Amino acid sequence: MIPHSGIEEAIIKVFDIRCDECPKIAIVPRVNEKKGEKSSLLTTMHIQQQELTSKMLQAGYSSLWIPKEIISVNKIPVLATGKLDIVGCKSLLNEKLNLYHNHSKNIK
């Protein structure tokens, strides 16, 4: 297992993200029926999957380190201490995924 903070640090490094007042990315796990867990990237930045994959592989990271889905958000939830709000991030991820799935059903 790869620690989520390690994946976040790798993404910060390969995209040269300057951590100023608030976080711009967060790795959030979610259940994957085939593999047990899937890492999702919540981000306030415009990051494409192909760009993420390319930069991570070029930097020498294994494909296991690359989140398989990227979810754009307006803000990454944080606690009053300034640390990531993991529960808030999971709720935000689920909310975004539910909106996406409901929208996809309506299109069909």
C-alpha atoms as a PDB file:
ATOM      1  CA  MET A   1       0.000   0.000   0.000  1.00  0.00           C
ATOM      2  CA  ILE A   2       1.167   3.483  -0.840  1.00  0.00           C
ATOM      3  CA  PRO A   3       0.430   6.219   1.719  1.00  0.00           C
ATOM      4  CA  HIS A   4      -1.906   8.879   0.388  1.00  0.00           C
ATOM      5  CA  SER A   5       0.376  11.616   1.673  1.00  0.00           C
ATOM      6  CA  GLY A   6       3.195  10.115  -0.419  1.00  0.00           C
ATOM      7  CA  ILE A   7       1.081  10.320  -3.568  1.00  0.00           C
ATOM      8  CA  GLU A   8       0.127  13.916  -2.719  1.00  0.00           C
ATOM      9  CA  GLU A   9       3.790  14.835  -2.235  1.00  0.00           C
ATOM     10  CA  ALA A  10       4.698  13.217  -5.577  1.00  0.00           C
ATOM     11  CA  ILE A  11       1.984  15.159  -7.414  1.00  0.00           C
ATOM     12  CA  ILE A  12       3.039  18.399  -5.700  1.00  0.00           C
ATOM     13  CA  LYS A  13       6.596  17.723  -6.845  1.00  0.00           C
ATOM     14  CA  VAL A  14       5.891  16.805 -10.489  1.00  0.00           C
ATOM     15  CA  PHE A  15       3.476  19.723 -10.988  1.00  0.00           C
ATOM     16  CA  ASP A  16       5.656  22.114  -8.960  1.00  0.00           C
ATOM     17  CA  ILE A  17       2.647  23.136  -6.868  1.00  0.00           C
ATOM     18  CA  ARG A  18       3.280  25.978  -4.459  1.00  0.00           C
ATOM     19  CA  CYS A  19       1.414  25.280  -1.246  1.00  0.00           C
ATOM     20  CA  ASP A  20       0.255  28.685  -0.132  1.00  0.00           C
ATOM     21  CA  GLU A  21      -2.835  29.370   1.964  1.00  0.00           C
ATOM     22  CA  CYS A  22      -4.841  26.283   1.101  1.00  0.00           C
ATOM     23  CA  PRO A  23      -4.259  22.821  -0.358  1.00  0.00           C
ATOM     24  CA  LYS A  24      -4.799  22.384  -4.089  1.00  0.00           C
ATOM     25  CA  ILE A  25      -4.914  18.589  -4.118  1.00  0.00           C
ATOM     26  CA  ALA A  26      -6.014  15.703  -1.925  1.00  0.00           C
ATOM     27  CA  ILE A  27      -5.869  11.959  -2.463  1.00  0.00           C
ATOM     28  CA  VAL A  28      -9.069  10.272  -1.357  1.00  0.00           C
ATOM     29  CA  PRO A  29      -9.498   6.499  -1.300  1.00  0.00           C
ATOM     30  CA  ARG A  30     -12.675   4.813  -2.390  1.00  0.00           C
ATOM     31  CA  VAL A  31     -13.753   1.204  -2.639  1.00  0.00           C
ATOM     32  CA  ASN A  32     -12.831  -0.675  -5.793  1.00  0.00           C
ATOM     33  CA  GLU A  33     -14.536  -4.044  -6.041  1.00  0.00           C
ATOM     34  CA  LYS A  34     -11.692  -5.569  -8.096  1.00  0.00           C
ATOM     35  CA  LYS A  35      -8.656  -4.170  -6.288  1.00  0.00           C
ATOM     36  CA  GLY A  36      -9.986  -3.227  -2.865  1.00  0.00           C
ATOM     37  CA  GLU A  37      -9.169   0.477  -3.046  1.00  0.00           C
ATOM     38  CA  LYS A  38      -8.900   3.142  -5.727  1.00  0.00           C
ATOM     39  CA  SER A  39      -7.184   6.497  -5.274  1.00  0.00           C
ATOM     40  CA  SER A  40      -9.046   9.551  -6.496  1.00  0.00           C
ATOM     41  CA  LEU A  41      -7.467  12.976  -6.889  1.00  0.00           C
ATOM     42  CA  LEU A  42      -9.511  15.944  -5.708  1.00  0.00           C
ATOM     43  CA  THR A  43      -8.045  19.128  -7.121  1.00  0.00           C
ATOM     44  CA  THR A  44      -8.755  22.817  -7.504  1.00  0.00           C
ATOM     45  CA  MET A  45      -6.343  22.864 -10.449  1.00  0.00           C
ATOM     46  CA  HIS A  46      -6.918  21.945 -14.084  1.00  0.00           C
ATOM     47  CA  ILE A  47      -5.147  18.574 -14.374  1.00  0.00           C
ATOM     48  CA  GLN A  48      -5.864  16.100 -17.153  1.00  0.00           C
ATOM     49  CA  GLN A  49      -5.453  12.343 -16.641  1.00  0.00           C
ATOM     50  CA  GLN A  50      -3.018  11.996 -19.538  1.00  0.00           C
ATOM     51  CA  GLU A  51      -0.841  14.831 -18.208  1.00  0.00           C
ATOM     52  CA  LEU A  52      -0.861  13.366 -14.689  1.00  0.00           C
ATOM     53  CA  THR A  53       0.071   9.910 -15.945  1.00  0.00           C
ATOM     54  CA  SER A  54       2.816  11.229 -18.212  1.00  0.00           C
ATOM     55  CA  LYS A  55       4.440  13.441 -15.574  1.00  0.00           C
ATOM     56  CA  MET A  56       4.308  10.779 -12.874  1.00  0.00           C
ATOM     57  CA  LEU A  57       5.835   8.101 -15.109  1.00  0.00           C
ATOM     58  CA  GLN A  58       8.526  10.490 -16.417  1.00  0.00           C
ATOM     59  CA  ALA A  59       9.444  11.304 -12.804  1.00  0.00           C
ATOM     60  CA  GLY A  60       9.971   7.596 -12.159  1.00  0.00           C
ATOM     61  CA  TYR A  61       6.846   6.808 -10.151  1.00  0.00           C
ATOM     62  CA  SER A  62       5.144   3.457 -10.601  1.00  0.00           C
ATOM     63  CA  SER A  63       1.700   3.393 -12.202  1.00  0.00           C
ATOM     64  CA  LEU A  64       0.433   2.271  -8.775  1.00  0.00           C
ATOM     65  CA  TRP A  65       1.101   5.842  -7.591  1.00  0.00           C
ATOM     66  CA  ILE A  66      -1.124   7.406 -10.249  1.00  0.00           C
ATOM     67  CA  PRO A  67      -4.729   8.190  -9.261  1.00  0.00           C
ATOM     68  CA  LYS A  68      -7.125   6.724 -11.810  1.00  0.00           C
ATOM     69  CA  GLU A  69      -9.697   9.495 -11.546  1.00  0.00           C
ATOM     70  CA  ILE A  70      -9.455  13.243 -11.176  1.00  0.00           C
ATOM     71  CA  ILE A  71     -12.314  15.198  -9.634  1.00  0.00           C
ATOM     72  CA  SER A  72     -12.354  18.985  -9.976  1.00  0.00           C
ATOM     73  CA  VAL A  73     -13.580  20.883  -6.926  1.00  0.00           C
ATOM     74  CA  ASN A  74     -13.786  24.529  -5.925  1.00  0.00           C
ATOM     75  CA  LYS A  75     -12.097  24.012  -2.562  1.00  0.00           C
ATOM     76  CA  ILE A  76     -10.369  21.194  -0.694  1.00  0.00           C
ATOM     77  CA  PRO A  77     -11.935  20.703   2.766  1.00  0.00           C
ATOM     78  CA  VAL A  78      -9.608  21.478   5.675  1.00  0.00           C
ATOM     79  CA  LEU A  79      -9.976  21.382   9.445  1.00  0.00           C
ATOM     80  CA  ALA A  80      -9.552  24.422  11.689  1.00  0.00           C
ATOM     81  CA  THR A  81      -5.955  23.241  12.246  1.00  0.00           C
ATOM     82  CA  GLY A  82      -5.244  23.587   8.519  1.00  0.00           C
ATOM     83  CA  LYS A  83      -4.912  19.841   7.991  1.00  0.00           C
ATOM     84  CA  LEU A  84      -6.930  18.010   5.356  1.00  0.00           C
ATOM     85  CA  ASP A  85     -10.456  17.128   6.433  1.00  0.00           C
ATOM     86  CA  ILE A  86     -10.422  13.497   5.292  1.00  0.00           C
ATOM     87  CA  VAL A  87     -14.086  12.945   6.155  1.00  0.00           C
ATOM     88  CA  GLY A  88     -15.016  16.159   4.326  1.00  0.00           C
ATOM     89  CA  CYS A  89     -12.919  15.111   1.319  1.00  0.00           C
ATOM     90  CA  LYS A  90     -14.646  11.703   1.187  1.00  0.00           C
ATOM     91  CA  SER A  91     -18.066  13.368   1.428  1.00  0.00           C
ATOM     92  CA  LEU A  92     -17.144  15.820  -1.332  1.00  0.00           C
ATOM     93  CA  LEU A  93     -15.893  12.977  -3.540  1.00  0.00           C
ATOM     94  CA  ASN A  94     -19.095  10.996  -3.022  1.00  0.00           C
ATOM     95  CA  GLU A  95     -21.195  14.096  -3.725  1.00  0.00           C
ATOM     96  CA  LYS A  96     -19.303  14.783  -6.970  1.00  0.00           C
ATOM     97  CA  LEU A  97     -19.513  11.147  -8.093  1.00  0.00           C
ATOM     98  CA  ASN A  98     -23.257  10.996  -7.346  1.00  0.00           C
ATOM     99  CA  LEU A  99     -23.818  14.186  -9.363  1.00  0.00           C
ATOM    100  CA  TYR A 100     -21.820  12.738 -12.244  1.00  0.00           C
ATOM    101  CA  HIS A 101     -23.649   9.394 -12.184  1.00  0.00           C
ATOM    102  CA  ASN A 102     -27.070  11.051 -11.927  1.00  0.00           C
ATOM    103  CA  HIS A 103     -26.207  13.384 -14.806  1.00  0.00           C
ATOM    104  CA  SER A 104     -24.997  10.421 -16.915  1.00  0.00           C
ATOM    105  CA  LYS A 105     -28.265   8.551 -16.307  1.00  0.00           C
ATOM    106  CA  ASN A 106     -30.300  11.575 -17.425  1.00  0.00           C
ATOM    107  CA  ILE A 107     -28.363  11.851 -20.686  1.00  0.00           C
ATOM    108  CA  LYS A 108     -29.199   8.279 -21.757  1.00  0.00           C
END
